Amino acid sequence: MADIIPFPHKPTPKEGVEPYFGVCPECGGQEEGFNVGGNHFFVCHEHNTVWNPAYNLFSGWRDEPAEMHSANERQVQSMRWVDPYYPPEGGAA
């Protein structure tokens, strides 16, 4: 697994982003969530970042084809692993 990259500033979550599972520590964004087996990932394509906030929280991964999980794993491996930013309740940094 890659080294986790810490970020010193605290971004404001982008409009429309639900920060419950964290946001990109660079911009406050969060794009699609996807699964690799029972691991759930969220990404920011703008900054090529990925984080893994949960395991086996959403049961839908069991119904997804193995090919989808393989493609998702390739995507995860090509991105930078980060610790997501969790803004204080209310979303303000």
PDB file of N, CA and C in Angstrom:
ATOM      1  N   MET A   1       0.847  -1.169   0.000  1.00  0.00           N
ATOM      2  CA  MET A   1       0.000   0.000   0.000  1.00  0.00           C
ATOM      3  C   MET A   1       0.896   1.236   0.000  1.00  0.00           C
ATOM      4  N   ALA A   2       0.441   2.275  -0.636  1.00  0.00           N
ATOM      5  CA  ALA A   2       1.221   3.507  -0.764  1.00  0.00           C
ATOM      6  C   ALA A   2       1.238   4.276   0.554  1.00  0.00           C
ATOM      7  N   ASP A   3       2.204   5.180   0.680  1.00  0.00           N
ATOM      8  CA  ASP A   3       2.258   6.042   1.855  1.00  0.00           C
ATOM      9  C   ASP A   3       1.085   7.012   1.842  1.00  0.00           C
ATOM     10  N   ILE A   4       0.551   7.313   3.000  1.00  0.00           N
ATOM     11  CA  ILE A   4      -0.521   8.288   3.144  1.00  0.00           C
ATOM     12  C   ILE A   4       0.107   9.676   3.121  1.00  0.00           C
ATOM     13  N   ILE A   5      -0.486  10.599   2.361  1.00  0.00           N
ATOM     14  CA  ILE A   5       0.052  11.944   2.218  1.00  0.00           C
ATOM     15  C   ILE A   5      -0.762  12.902   3.094  1.00  0.00           C
ATOM     16  N   PRO A   6      -0.153  13.508   4.113  1.00  0.00           N
ATOM     17  CA  PRO A   6      -0.897  14.462   4.939  1.00  0.00           C
ATOM     18  C   PRO A   6      -0.968  15.830   4.260  1.00  0.00           C
ATOM     19  N   PHE A   7      -2.032  16.572   4.504  1.00  0.00           N
ATOM     20  CA  PHE A   7      -2.192  17.909   3.961  1.00  0.00           C
ATOM     21  C   PHE A   7      -2.417  18.878   5.113  1.00  0.00           C
ATOM     22  N   PRO A   8      -1.722  20.042   5.126  1.00  0.00           N
ATOM     23  CA  PRO A   8      -1.781  20.947   6.268  1.00  0.00           C
ATOM     24  C   PRO A   8      -3.038  21.823   6.341  1.00  0.00           C
ATOM     25  N   HIS A   9      -3.682  22.121   5.232  1.00  0.00           N
ATOM     26  CA  HIS A   9      -4.823  23.030   5.293  1.00  0.00           C
ATOM     27  C   HIS A   9      -6.142  22.261   5.381  1.00  0.00           C
ATOM     28  N   LYS A  10      -7.186  22.989   5.728  1.00  0.00           N
ATOM     29  CA  LYS A  10      -8.492  22.377   5.937  1.00  0.00           C
ATOM     30  C   LYS A  10      -9.486  22.971   4.941  1.00  0.00           C
ATOM     31  N   PRO A  11      -9.814  22.229   3.891  1.00  0.00           N
ATOM     32  CA  PRO A  11     -10.699  22.777   2.862  1.00  0.00           C
ATOM     33  C   PRO A  11     -12.159  22.804   3.306  1.00  0.00           C
ATOM     34  N   THR A  12     -12.915  23.674   2.702  1.00  0.00           N
ATOM     35  CA  THR A  12     -14.364  23.696   2.889  1.00  0.00           C
ATOM     36  C   THR A  12     -14.955  22.705   1.894  1.00  0.00           C
ATOM     37  N   PRO A  13     -15.849  21.819   2.339  1.00  0.00           N
ATOM     38  CA  PRO A  13     -16.449  20.874   1.386  1.00  0.00           C
ATOM     39  C   PRO A  13     -17.137  21.614   0.234  1.00  0.00           C
ATOM     40  N   LYS A  14     -16.978  21.094  -0.958  1.00  0.00           N
ATOM     41  CA  LYS A  14     -17.619  21.686  -2.124  1.00  0.00           C
ATOM     42  C   LYS A  14     -19.131  21.603  -1.980  1.00  0.00           C
ATOM     43  N   GLU A  15     -19.807  22.526  -2.625  1.00  0.00           N
ATOM     44  CA  GLU A  15     -21.269  22.560  -2.574  1.00  0.00           C
ATOM     45  C   GLU A  15     -21.848  21.239  -3.067  1.00  0.00           C
ATOM     46  N   GLY A  16     -22.794  20.716  -2.312  1.00  0.00           N
ATOM     47  CA  GLY A  16     -23.449  19.468  -2.676  1.00  0.00           C
ATOM     48  C   GLY A  16     -22.734  18.212  -2.211  1.00  0.00           C
ATOM     49  N   VAL A  17     -21.569  18.357  -1.606  1.00  0.00           N
ATOM     50  CA  VAL A  17     -20.805  17.197  -1.136  1.00  0.00           C
ATOM     51  C   VAL A  17     -21.212  16.876   0.299  1.00  0.00           C
ATOM     52  N   GLU A  18     -21.571  15.631   0.538  1.00  0.00           N
ATOM     53  CA  GLU A  18     -21.869  15.146   1.888  1.00  0.00           C
ATOM     54  C   GLU A  18     -20.561  14.635   2.474  1.00  0.00           C
ATOM     55  N   PRO A  19     -20.006  15.324   3.485  1.00  0.00           N
ATOM     56  CA  PRO A  19     -18.666  14.990   3.971  1.00  0.00           C
ATOM     57  C   PRO A  19     -18.598  13.848   4.987  1.00  0.00           C
ATOM     58  N   TYR A  20     -19.664  13.095   5.157  1.00  0.00           N
ATOM     59  CA  TYR A  20     -19.694  12.051   6.182  1.00  0.00           C
ATOM     60  C   TYR A  20     -18.523  11.073   6.056  1.00  0.00           C
ATOM     61  N   PHE A  21     -18.139  10.722   4.818  1.00  0.00           N
ATOM     62  CA  PHE A  21     -17.043   9.791   4.595  1.00  0.00           C
ATOM     63  C   PHE A  21     -15.744  10.508   4.253  1.00  0.00           C
ATOM     64  N   GLY A  22     -15.669  11.792   4.555  1.00  0.00           N
ATOM     65  CA  GLY A  22     -14.479  12.577   4.302  1.00  0.00           C
ATOM     66  C   GLY A  22     -14.498  13.217   2.930  1.00  0.00           C
ATOM     67  N   VAL A  23     -13.618  14.186   2.766  1.00  0.00           N
ATOM     68  CA  VAL A  23     -13.486  14.894   1.498  1.00  0.00           C
ATOM     69  C   VAL A  23     -12.009  14.977   1.130  1.00  0.00           C
ATOM     70  N   CYS A  24     -11.756  15.329  -0.113  1.00  0.00           N
ATOM     71  CA  CYS A  24     -10.376  15.509  -0.575  1.00  0.00           C
ATOM     72  C   CYS A  24      -9.712  16.577   0.289  1.00  0.00           C
ATOM     73  N   PRO A  25      -8.554  16.282   0.843  1.00  0.00           N
ATOM     74  CA  PRO A  25      -7.881  17.256   1.707  1.00  0.00           C
ATOM     75  C   PRO A  25      -7.322  18.453   0.947  1.00  0.00           C
ATOM     76  N   GLU A  26      -7.323  18.403  -0.384  1.00  0.00           N
ATOM     77  CA  GLU A  26      -6.842  19.536  -1.166  1.00  0.00           C
ATOM     78  C   GLU A  26      -7.948  20.512  -1.502  1.00  0.00           C
ATOM     79  N   CYS A  27      -9.137  19.981  -1.869  1.00  0.00           N
ATOM     80  CA  CYS A  27     -10.178  20.869  -2.396  1.00  0.00           C
ATOM     81  C   CYS A  27     -11.540  20.724  -1.736  1.00  0.00           C
ATOM     82  N   GLY A  28     -11.739  19.731  -0.888  1.00  0.00           N
ATOM     83  CA  GLY A  28     -13.040  19.534  -0.274  1.00  0.00           C
ATOM     84  C   GLY A  28     -14.012  18.789  -1.162  1.00  0.00           C
ATOM     85  N   GLY A  29     -13.518  18.230  -2.253  1.00  0.00           N
ATOM     86  CA  GLY A  29     -14.376  17.487  -3.168  1.00  0.00           C
ATOM     87  C   GLY A  29     -14.497  16.021  -2.787  1.00  0.00           C
ATOM     88  N   GLN A  30     -15.482  15.390  -3.366  1.00  0.00           N
ATOM     89  CA  GLN A  30     -15.669  13.951  -3.187  1.00  0.00           C
ATOM     90  C   GLN A  30     -16.508  13.481  -4.358  1.00  0.00           C
ATOM     91  N   GLU A  31     -15.960  12.566  -5.118  1.00  0.00           N
ATOM     92  CA  GLU A  31     -16.692  12.058  -6.267  1.00  0.00           C
ATOM     93  C   GLU A  31     -17.163  10.647  -5.965  1.00  0.00           C
ATOM     94  N   GLU A  32     -17.458   9.908  -6.998  1.00  0.00           N
ATOM     95  CA  GLU A  32     -18.147   8.631  -6.807  1.00  0.00           C
ATOM     96  C   GLU A  32     -17.480   7.739  -5.776  1.00  0.00           C
ATOM     97  N   GLY A  33     -18.322   6.967  -5.146  1.00  0.00           N
ATOM     98  CA  GLY A  33     -17.833   5.913  -4.281  1.00  0.00           C
ATOM     99  C   GLY A  33     -17.888   4.617  -5.070  1.00  0.00           C
ATOM    100  N   PHE A  34     -16.948   3.729  -4.818  1.00  0.00           N
ATOM    101  CA  PHE A  34     -16.963   2.430  -5.488  1.00  0.00           C
ATOM    102  C   PHE A  34     -16.314   1.416  -4.576  1.00  0.00           C
ATOM    103  N   ASN A  35     -16.411   0.170  -4.968  1.00  0.00           N
ATOM    104  CA  ASN A  35     -15.970  -0.929  -4.111  1.00  0.00           C
ATOM    105  C   ASN A  35     -14.887  -1.779  -4.768  1.00  0.00           C
ATOM    106  N   VAL A  36     -14.027  -2.317  -3.921  1.00  0.00           N
ATOM    107  CA  VAL A  36     -13.108  -3.388  -4.290  1.00  0.00           C
ATOM    108  C   VAL A  36     -13.322  -4.432  -3.205  1.00  0.00           C
ATOM    109  N   GLY A  37     -14.074  -5.450  -3.543  1.00  0.00           N
ATOM    110  CA  GLY A  37     -14.525  -6.380  -2.517  1.00  0.00           C
ATOM    111  C   GLY A  37     -15.342  -5.595  -1.508  1.00  0.00           C
ATOM    112  N   GLY A  38     -15.137  -5.852  -0.239  1.00  0.00           N
ATOM    113  CA  GLY A  38     -15.871  -5.137   0.798  1.00  0.00           C
ATOM    114  C   GLY A  38     -15.306  -3.781   1.150  1.00  0.00           C
ATOM    115  N   ASN A  39     -14.214  -3.360   0.511  1.00  0.00           N
ATOM    116  CA  ASN A  39     -13.632  -2.044   0.771  1.00  0.00           C
ATOM    117  C   ASN A  39     -14.363  -0.992  -0.051  1.00  0.00           C
ATOM    118  N   HIS A  40     -14.743   0.093   0.608  1.00  0.00           N
ATOM    119  CA  HIS A  40     -15.433   1.191  -0.055  1.00  0.00           C
ATOM    120  C   HIS A  40     -14.453   2.355  -0.214  1.00  0.00           C
ATOM    121  N   PHE A  41     -14.397   2.912  -1.405  1.00  0.00           N
ATOM    122  CA  PHE A  41     -13.467   4.000  -1.711  1.00  0.00           C
ATOM    123  C   PHE A  41     -14.214   5.220  -2.207  1.00  0.00           C
ATOM    124  N   PHE A  42     -13.663   6.386  -1.907  1.00  0.00           N
ATOM    125  CA  PHE A  42     -14.131   7.648  -2.467  1.00  0.00           C
ATOM    126  C   PHE A  42     -12.930   8.316  -3.113  1.00  0.00           C
ATOM    127  N   VAL A  43     -13.187   9.115  -4.154  1.00  0.00           N
ATOM    128  CA  VAL A  43     -12.095   9.703  -4.913  1.00  0.00           C
ATOM    129  C   VAL A  43     -12.358  11.169  -5.227  1.00  0.00           C
ATOM    130  N   CYS A  44     -11.289  11.854  -5.568  1.00  0.00           N
ATOM    131  CA  CYS A  44     -11.337  13.184  -6.175  1.00  0.00           C
ATOM    132  C   CYS A  44     -10.501  13.074  -7.443  1.00  0.00           C
ATOM    133  N   HIS A  45     -11.166  13.102  -8.593  1.00  0.00           N
ATOM    134  CA  HIS A  45     -10.433  12.976  -9.853  1.00  0.00           C
ATOM    135  C   HIS A  45      -9.593  14.212 -10.147  1.00  0.00           C
ATOM    136  N   GLU A  46     -10.044  15.365  -9.681  1.00  0.00           N
ATOM    137  CA  GLU A  46      -9.302  16.606  -9.923  1.00  0.00           C
ATOM    138  C   GLU A  46      -7.886  16.517  -9.354  1.00  0.00           C
ATOM    139  N   HIS A  47      -7.739  15.893  -8.186  1.00  0.00           N
ATOM    140  CA  HIS A  47      -6.433  15.793  -7.533  1.00  0.00           C
ATOM    141  C   HIS A  47      -5.881  14.369  -7.507  1.00  0.00           C
ATOM    142  N   ASN A  48      -6.574  13.457  -8.181  1.00  0.00           N
ATOM    143  CA  ASN A  48      -6.138  12.067  -8.300  1.00  0.00           C
ATOM    144  C   ASN A  48      -5.915  11.434  -6.922  1.00  0.00           C
ATOM    145  N   THR A  49      -6.827  11.733  -5.986  1.00  0.00           N
ATOM    146  CA  THR A  49      -6.722  11.202  -4.632  1.00  0.00           C
ATOM    147  C   THR A  49      -7.801  10.159  -4.374  1.00  0.00           C
ATOM    148  N   VAL A  50      -7.496   9.244  -3.459  1.00  0.00           N
ATOM    149  CA  VAL A  50      -8.430   8.183  -3.079  1.00  0.00           C
ATOM    150  C   VAL A  50      -8.280   7.916  -1.586  1.00  0.00           C
ATOM    151  N   TRP A  51      -9.395   7.573  -0.943  1.00  0.00           N
ATOM    152  CA  TRP A  51      -9.367   7.196   0.464  1.00  0.00           C
ATOM    153  C   TRP A  51     -10.378   6.094   0.711  1.00  0.00           C
ATOM    154  N   ASN A  52     -10.135   5.345   1.781  1.00  0.00           N
ATOM    155  CA  ASN A  52     -10.918   4.152   2.097  1.00  0.00           C
ATOM    156  C   ASN A  52     -11.481   4.308   3.518  1.00  0.00           C
ATOM    157  N   PRO A  53     -12.676   4.916   3.637  1.00  0.00           N
ATOM    158  CA  PRO A  53     -13.198   5.188   4.967  1.00  0.00           C
ATOM    159  C   PRO A  53     -13.931   4.030   5.639  1.00  0.00           C
ATOM    160  N   ALA A  54     -14.240   2.968   4.894  1.00  0.00           N
ATOM    161  CA  ALA A  54     -15.081   1.928   5.500  1.00  0.00           C
ATOM    162  C   ALA A  54     -14.869   0.574   4.825  1.00  0.00           C
ATOM    163  N   TYR A  55     -15.192  -0.463   5.577  1.00  0.00           N
ATOM    164  CA  TYR A  55     -15.173  -1.825   5.050  1.00  0.00           C
ATOM    165  C   TYR A  55     -16.513  -2.476   5.383  1.00  0.00           C
ATOM    166  N   ASN A  56     -17.126  -3.062   4.375  1.00  0.00           N
ATOM    167  CA  ASN A  56     -18.348  -3.844   4.512  1.00  0.00           C
ATOM    168  C   ASN A  56     -19.504  -3.063   5.140  1.00  0.00           C
ATOM    169  N   LEU A  57     -19.516  -1.767   4.912  1.00  0.00           N
ATOM    170  CA  LEU A  57     -20.593  -0.934   5.435  1.00  0.00           C
ATOM    171  C   LEU A  57     -21.814  -0.988   4.520  1.00  0.00           C
ATOM    172  N   PHE A  58     -21.582  -1.048   3.218  1.00  0.00           N
ATOM    173  CA  PHE A  58     -22.649  -1.114   2.224  1.00  0.00           C
ATOM    174  C   PHE A  58     -22.675  -2.514   1.641  1.00  0.00           C
ATOM    175  N   SER A  59     -23.786  -3.191   1.711  1.00  0.00           N
ATOM    176  CA  SER A  59     -23.844  -4.590   1.277  1.00  0.00           C
ATOM    177  C   SER A  59     -23.883  -4.759  -0.238  1.00  0.00           C
ATOM    178  N   GLY A  60     -24.131  -3.697  -0.989  1.00  0.00           N
ATOM    179  CA  GLY A  60     -24.264  -3.809  -2.435  1.00  0.00           C
ATOM    180  C   GLY A  60     -23.042  -4.362  -3.148  1.00  0.00           C
ATOM    181  N   TRP A  61     -21.872  -4.290  -2.521  1.00  0.00           N
ATOM    182  CA  TRP A  61     -20.661  -4.784  -3.171  1.00  0.00           C
ATOM    183  C   TRP A  61     -20.770  -6.273  -3.483  1.00  0.00           C
ATOM    184  N   ARG A  62     -21.562  -6.992  -2.702  1.00  0.00           N
ATOM    185  CA  ARG A  62     -21.693  -8.444  -2.912  1.00  0.00           C
ATOM    186  C   ARG A  62     -22.392  -8.768  -4.237  1.00  0.00           C
ATOM    187  N   ASP A  63     -23.196  -7.836  -4.727  1.00  0.00           N
ATOM    188  CA  ASP A  63     -23.949  -8.049  -5.964  1.00  0.00           C
ATOM    189  C   ASP A  63     -23.210  -7.557  -7.204  1.00  0.00           C
ATOM    190  N   GLU A  64     -22.060  -6.959  -7.027  1.00  0.00           N
ATOM    191  CA  GLU A  64     -21.301  -6.439  -8.157  1.00  0.00           C
ATOM    192  C   GLU A  64     -20.412  -7.535  -8.742  1.00  0.00           C
ATOM    193  N   PRO A  65     -20.243  -7.535 -10.061  1.00  0.00           N
ATOM    194  CA  PRO A  65     -19.406  -8.573 -10.685  1.00  0.00           C
ATOM    195  C   PRO A  65     -17.921  -8.402 -10.336  1.00  0.00           C
ATOM    196  N   ALA A  66     -17.225  -9.510 -10.313  1.00  0.00           N
ATOM    197  CA  ALA A  66     -15.790  -9.496  -9.994  1.00  0.00           C
ATOM    198  C   ALA A  66     -15.013  -8.608 -10.958  1.00  0.00           C
ATOM    199  N   GLU A  67     -15.451  -8.559 -12.212  1.00  0.00           N
ATOM    200  CA  GLU A  67     -14.764  -7.722 -13.210  1.00  0.00           C
ATOM    201  C   GLU A  67     -14.815  -6.246 -12.811  1.00  0.00           C
ATOM    202  N   MET A  68     -15.936  -5.821 -12.228  1.00  0.00           N
ATOM    203  CA  MET A  68     -16.062  -4.438 -11.787  1.00  0.00           C
ATOM    204  C   MET A  68     -15.083  -4.157 -10.650  1.00  0.00           C
ATOM    205  N   HIS A  69     -14.952  -5.087  -9.734  1.00  0.00           N
ATOM    206  CA  HIS A  69     -14.032  -4.901  -8.618  1.00  0.00           C
ATOM    207  C   HIS A  69     -12.587  -4.865  -9.116  1.00  0.00           C
ATOM    208  N   SER A  70     -12.278  -5.675 -10.126  1.00  0.00           N
ATOM    209  CA  SER A  70     -10.920  -5.661 -10.693  1.00  0.00           C
ATOM    210  C   SER A  70     -10.619  -4.320 -11.349  1.00  0.00           C
ATOM    211  N   ALA A  71     -11.571  -3.789 -12.095  1.00  0.00           N
ATOM    212  CA  ALA A  71     -11.387  -2.482 -12.742  1.00  0.00           C
ATOM    213  C   ALA A  71     -11.245  -1.393 -11.681  1.00  0.00           C
ATOM    214  N   ASN A  72     -12.050  -1.467 -10.632  1.00  0.00           N
ATOM    215  CA  ASN A  72     -11.957  -0.485  -9.552  1.00  0.00           C
ATOM    216  C   ASN A  72     -10.605  -0.562  -8.855  1.00  0.00           C
ATOM    217  N   GLU A  73     -10.096  -1.772  -8.668  1.00  0.00           N
ATOM    218  CA  GLU A  73      -8.786  -1.933  -8.029  1.00  0.00           C
ATOM    219  C   GLU A  73      -7.681  -1.302  -8.870  1.00  0.00           C
ATOM    220  N   ARG A  74      -7.748  -1.453 -10.181  1.00  0.00           N
ATOM    221  CA  ARG A  74      -6.754  -0.813 -11.056  1.00  0.00           C
ATOM    222  C   ARG A  74      -6.821   0.706 -10.915  1.00  0.00           C
ATOM    223  N   GLN A  75      -8.026   1.241 -10.819  1.00  0.00           N
ATOM    224  CA  GLN A  75      -8.182   2.690 -10.653  1.00  0.00           C
ATOM    225  C   GLN A  75      -7.570   3.139  -9.328  1.00  0.00           C
ATOM    226  N   VAL A  76      -7.857   2.429  -8.257  1.00  0.00           N
ATOM    227  CA  VAL A  76      -7.320   2.768  -6.938  1.00  0.00           C
ATOM    228  C   VAL A  76      -5.795   2.754  -6.964  1.00  0.00           C
ATOM    229  N   GLN A  77      -5.210   1.768  -7.609  1.00  0.00           N
ATOM    230  CA  GLN A  77      -3.747   1.641  -7.641  1.00  0.00           C
ATOM    231  C   GLN A  77      -3.071   2.772  -8.408  1.00  0.00           C
ATOM    232  N   SER A  78      -3.821   3.444  -9.275  1.00  0.00           N
ATOM    233  CA  SER A  78      -3.235   4.527 -10.062  1.00  0.00           C
ATOM    234  C   SER A  78      -3.397   5.892  -9.389  1.00  0.00           C
ATOM    235  N   MET A  79      -4.006   5.926  -8.203  1.00  0.00           N
ATOM    236  CA  MET A  79      -4.282   7.198  -7.538  1.00  0.00           C
ATOM    237  C   MET A  79      -3.415   7.370  -6.303  1.00  0.00           C
ATOM    238  N   ARG A  80      -3.396   8.607  -5.771  1.00  0.00           N
ATOM    239  CA  ARG A  80      -2.652   8.905  -4.540  1.00  0.00           C
ATOM    240  C   ARG A  80      -3.555   8.632  -3.339  1.00  0.00           C
ATOM    241  N   TRP A  81      -3.082   7.811  -2.421  1.00  0.00           N
ATOM    242  CA  TRP A  81      -3.806   7.542  -1.181  1.00  0.00           C
ATOM    243  C   TRP A  81      -3.641   8.728  -0.251  1.00  0.00           C
ATOM    244  N   VAL A  82      -4.736   9.178   0.340  1.00  0.00           N
ATOM    245  CA  VAL A  82      -4.679  10.290   1.282  1.00  0.00           C
ATOM    246  C   VAL A  82      -5.549   9.986   2.495  1.00  0.00           C
ATOM    247  N   ASP A  83      -5.289  10.709   3.577  1.00  0.00           N
ATOM    248  CA  ASP A  83      -6.207  10.742   4.705  1.00  0.00           C
ATOM    249  C   ASP A  83      -7.251  11.784   4.335  1.00  0.00           C
ATOM    250  N   PRO A  84      -8.517  11.435   4.321  1.00  0.00           N
ATOM    251  CA  PRO A  84      -9.522  12.432   3.974  1.00  0.00           C
ATOM    252  C   PRO A  84      -9.640  13.473   5.082  1.00  0.00           C
ATOM    253  N   TYR A  85     -10.183  14.613   4.717  1.00  0.00           N
ATOM    254  CA  TYR A  85     -10.463  15.644   5.705  1.00  0.00           C
ATOM    255  C   TYR A  85     -11.915  15.475   6.150  1.00  0.00           C
ATOM    256  N   TYR A  86     -12.139  15.499   7.447  1.00  0.00           N
ATOM    257  CA  TYR A  86     -13.474  15.441   8.029  1.00  0.00           C
ATOM    258  C   TYR A  86     -13.766  16.794   8.664  1.00  0.00           C
ATOM    259  N   PRO A  87     -14.561  17.618   7.999  1.00  0.00           N
ATOM    260  CA  PRO A  87     -14.838  18.943   8.551  1.00  0.00           C
ATOM    261  C   PRO A  87     -15.681  18.836   9.824  1.00  0.00           C
ATOM    262  N   PRO A  88     -15.588  19.859  10.670  1.00  0.00           N
ATOM    263  CA  PRO A  88     -16.436  19.860  11.866  1.00  0.00           C
ATOM    264  C   PRO A  88     -17.908  19.835  11.452  1.00  0.00           C
ATOM    265  N   GLU A  89     -18.762  19.389  12.346  1.00  0.00           N
ATOM    266  CA  GLU A  89     -20.190  19.350  12.047  1.00  0.00           C
ATOM    267  C   GLU A  89     -20.652  20.714  11.588  1.00  0.00           C
ATOM    268  N   GLY A  90     -21.444  20.739  10.557  1.00  0.00           N
ATOM    269  CA  GLY A  90     -21.891  21.991   9.964  1.00  0.00           C
ATOM    270  C   GLY A  90     -21.098  22.316   8.703  1.00  0.00           C
ATOM    271  N   GLY A  91     -19.972  21.624   8.469  1.00  0.00           N
ATOM    272  CA  GLY A  91     -19.228  21.751   7.225  1.00  0.00           C
ATOM    273  C   GLY A  91     -18.225  22.886   7.163  1.00  0.00           C
ATOM    274  N   ALA A  92     -18.136  23.735   8.162  1.00  0.00           N
ATOM    275  CA  ALA A  92     -17.172  24.830   8.107  1.00  0.00           C
ATOM    276  C   ALA A  92     -15.796  24.336   8.515  1.00  0.00           C
ATOM    277  N   ALA A  93     -14.788  24.802   7.829  1.00  0.00           N
ATOM    278  CA  ALA A  93     -13.408  24.407   8.155  1.00  0.00           C
ATOM    279  C   ALA A  93     -12.895  25.141   9.362  1.00  0.00           C
TER     280      ALA A  93
END
